[in-house]
Protein backbone atom coordinates (compact mmCIF):
# COMPACT_ATOMS: atom_id res chain seq x y z
CA MET A 1 56.26 -47.69 -46.89
CA PHE A 2 53.64 -45.28 -48.03
CA SER A 3 53.77 -41.56 -47.37
CA ASN A 4 50.86 -39.83 -45.60
CA ARG A 5 50.21 -37.81 -48.79
CA PHE A 6 49.71 -40.89 -50.77
CA VAL A 7 47.31 -42.42 -48.17
CA SER A 8 45.35 -39.10 -48.04
CA LEU A 9 45.03 -38.91 -51.87
CA THR A 10 44.04 -42.56 -52.20
CA SER A 11 41.34 -42.36 -49.45
CA GLY A 12 40.18 -39.09 -50.81
CA VAL A 13 39.67 -40.44 -54.31
CA PHE A 14 38.00 -43.59 -52.93
CA PHE A 15 35.51 -41.62 -50.78
CA LEU A 16 34.88 -39.17 -53.83
CA LEU A 17 34.05 -42.01 -56.06
CA ILE A 18 31.60 -43.48 -53.59
CA SER A 19 30.04 -40.09 -53.03
CA LEU A 20 29.66 -39.56 -56.77
CA ALA A 21 28.02 -42.97 -57.24
CA ALA A 22 25.51 -42.05 -54.48
CA GLY A 23 24.93 -38.66 -56.12
CA TYR A 24 24.25 -40.35 -59.51
CA ARG A 25 21.85 -42.74 -57.84
CA LEU A 26 20.00 -39.83 -56.30
CA LEU A 27 19.71 -37.83 -59.44
CA HIS A 28 18.72 -40.74 -61.78
CA PHE A 29 16.64 -42.80 -59.27
CA VAL A 30 18.62 -45.97 -60.01
CA PRO A 31 17.02 -48.74 -57.75
CA ILE A 32 19.29 -50.48 -55.26
CA THR A 33 18.06 -53.62 -53.63
CA VAL A 34 19.99 -55.72 -51.11
CA GLY A 35 18.29 -59.02 -50.64
CA ASN A 36 14.49 -58.20 -50.41
CA VAL A 37 15.06 -54.66 -49.00
CA GLU A 38 15.13 -51.65 -51.19
CA ILE A 39 17.44 -48.88 -50.02
CA ARG A 40 15.55 -45.64 -50.36
CA GLY A 41 16.51 -42.07 -51.13
CA PRO A 42 17.10 -40.73 -47.62
CA ALA A 43 19.68 -43.43 -46.84
CA ILE A 44 21.45 -42.79 -50.12
CA PHE A 45 21.43 -39.05 -49.31
CA PHE A 46 23.03 -39.62 -46.00
CA ILE A 47 25.67 -41.88 -47.67
CA PHE A 48 26.44 -39.02 -50.15
CA VAL A 49 26.90 -36.41 -47.46
CA ILE A 50 29.05 -38.69 -45.28
CA PHE A 51 31.33 -39.75 -48.01
CA ALA A 52 31.60 -36.27 -49.54
CA ALA A 53 32.68 -35.10 -46.06
CA LEU A 54 35.24 -37.80 -45.66
CA SER A 55 36.59 -37.00 -49.07
CA ILE A 56 36.95 -33.39 -48.18
CA ILE A 57 38.78 -34.28 -44.77
CA ALA A 58 41.20 -36.51 -46.71
CA PHE A 59 42.08 -33.86 -49.28
CA MET A 60 42.43 -31.35 -46.45
CA GLY A 61 44.73 -33.81 -44.63
CA MET A 62 46.82 -34.14 -47.72
CA ARG A 63 47.20 -30.39 -48.06
CA ASN A 64 48.01 -30.03 -44.37
CA ASN A 65 50.66 -32.76 -44.67
CA ASP A 66 52.41 -30.56 -47.45
CA ARG A 67 52.50 -27.66 -45.02
CA ASP A 68 54.07 -29.88 -42.40
CA LEU A 69 56.93 -30.81 -44.64
CA ASN A 70 57.90 -27.24 -45.53
């Protein structure tokens, strides 16, 4: 139904958007509170790093799928 390229592109963009939101939160100190718990900077930094890495992996997977087709 969907090609591997489309799935890799979609997941890469999704992970990139989450990573950018976490990066914005880190740079501008936007408070995040879930219930009564405030999510602090180190947790947001790890979220930024993990989702940036997932985005890179997804985009590299898209590029590798192109090479397999040729």
